[in-house]
Amino acid sequence: MGDRFFETVLAAHRRTADAAGIEWKAAIYREVQQEVSGKLAIKQMCRLAGVSRKGFYRFDPERVREDHDMDLRDAMQRIALEMPSYGRLRITAELKRRA
């Protein structure tokens, strides 16, 4: 049973590694999710696949990553482009002044 699961995980890893870069863990976590009702325990499947069990439990394929500080970074970059001689302290002061 463990060999078949390991082969499935390797196949998933091969399919996604070249095309997706770092998304190989997501592919492995999906395989573990599909096999949860099987004969292997999650702990065993994660060990066989070489991923952390903690990471498996945190994995949520529906989650959309949000970047909360994008507006702040955008404003900082605009100030830095407008005033190239400004450093961190001056940019911070300018951000406060514009707010």
Protein backbone atom coordinates (compact mmCIF):
# COMPACT_ATOMS: atom_id res chain seq x y z
CA MET A 1 0.00 0.00 0.00
CA GLY A 2 2.79 2.42 0.91
CA ASP A 3 4.62 1.76 -2.37
CA ARG A 4 1.55 2.56 -4.46
CA PHE A 5 0.98 5.81 -2.58
CA PHE A 6 4.63 6.77 -2.94
CA GLU A 7 4.50 6.13 -6.70
CA THR A 8 1.36 8.27 -6.98
CA VAL A 9 3.04 11.10 -5.09
CA LEU A 10 6.13 10.89 -7.28
CA ALA A 11 3.96 11.05 -10.40
CA ALA A 12 2.14 14.10 -9.03
CA HIS A 13 5.45 15.70 -8.20
CA ARG A 14 6.80 15.08 -11.71
CA ARG A 15 3.68 16.50 -13.37
CA THR A 16 3.76 19.76 -11.45
CA ALA A 17 7.43 20.36 -10.65
CA ASP A 18 8.48 21.45 -14.12
CA ALA A 19 5.38 23.46 -14.90
CA ALA A 20 4.62 24.98 -11.53
CA GLY A 21 7.96 25.45 -9.83
CA ILE A 22 7.31 25.43 -6.10
CA GLU A 23 3.76 24.10 -6.39
CA TRP A 24 4.94 20.51 -5.97
CA LYS A 25 3.98 20.49 -2.29
CA ALA A 26 0.43 21.50 -3.16
CA ALA A 27 0.23 18.57 -5.58
CA ILE A 28 1.49 16.20 -2.89
CA TYR A 29 -0.96 17.58 -0.31
CA ARG A 30 -3.80 17.04 -2.81
CA GLU A 31 -2.72 13.41 -3.24
CA VAL A 32 -2.67 12.95 0.54
CA GLN A 33 -6.18 14.45 0.75
CA GLN A 34 -7.43 12.01 -1.88
CA GLU A 35 -5.98 9.05 0.01
CA VAL A 36 -7.17 10.07 3.49
CA SER A 37 -9.85 7.38 3.56
CA GLY A 38 -7.31 4.77 2.45
CA LYS A 39 -5.32 2.34 4.56
CA LEU A 40 -2.38 4.63 5.29
CA ALA A 41 -2.42 7.19 8.08
CA ILE A 42 -1.78 10.84 7.26
CA LYS A 43 1.42 10.70 9.28
CA GLN A 44 2.70 7.80 7.18
CA MET A 45 1.72 9.41 3.88
CA CYS A 46 3.45 12.67 4.76
CA ARG A 47 6.57 10.80 5.84
CA LEU A 48 6.60 8.77 2.61
CA ALA A 49 6.09 11.89 0.50
CA GLY A 50 8.73 13.88 2.35
CA VAL A 51 6.42 16.72 3.44
CA SER A 52 5.46 17.91 6.90
CA ARG A 53 2.22 16.82 8.49
CA LYS A 54 1.81 20.32 9.92
CA GLY A 55 2.02 21.72 6.39
CA PHE A 56 -0.63 19.27 5.24
CA TYR A 57 -3.06 20.45 7.91
CA ARG A 58 -2.39 24.09 7.04
CA PHE A 59 -2.85 23.46 3.30
CA ASP A 60 -6.04 24.97 1.93
CA PRO A 61 -6.45 24.76 -1.86
CA GLU A 62 -9.33 27.26 -1.77
CA ARG A 63 -7.29 29.96 -0.04
CA VAL A 64 -6.51 33.05 -2.07
CA ARG A 65 -3.38 34.84 -1.02
CA GLU A 66 -3.97 38.45 -0.17
CA ASP A 67 -1.35 41.12 -0.02
CA HIS A 68 -2.47 43.52 2.68
CA ASP A 69 0.42 45.95 2.28
CA MET A 70 0.28 46.38 -1.48
CA ASP A 71 -1.12 49.93 -1.28
CA LEU A 72 1.54 50.94 1.23
CA ARG A 73 4.33 49.48 -0.91
CA ASP A 74 2.94 51.20 -3.97
CA ALA A 75 2.95 54.57 -2.18
CA MET A 76 6.49 54.00 -0.93
CA GLN A 77 7.74 53.14 -4.40
CA ARG A 78 6.06 56.18 -5.93
CA ILE A 79 7.76 58.46 -3.41
CA ALA A 80 11.10 56.74 -3.99
CA LEU A 81 10.74 57.27 -7.76
CA GLU A 82 9.70 60.90 -7.34
CA MET A 83 12.50 61.66 -4.88
CA PRO A 84 15.40 59.25 -5.46
CA SER A 85 17.57 60.84 -2.75
CA TYR A 86 15.02 60.03 -0.03
CA GLY A 87 15.83 57.21 2.37
CA ARG A 88 13.68 55.32 4.82
CA LEU A 89 13.21 58.19 7.27
CA ARG A 90 12.27 60.75 4.64
CA ILE A 91 9.94 58.33 2.84
CA THR A 92 8.23 57.57 6.16
CA ALA A 93 7.81 61.29 6.86
CA GLU A 94 6.46 61.89 3.35
CA LEU A 95 3.96 59.02 3.76
CA LYS A 96 2.72 60.56 7.01
CA ARG A 97 2.49 63.98 5.41
CA ARG A 98 0.43 62.64 2.48
CA ALA A 99 -1.95 60.65 4.69
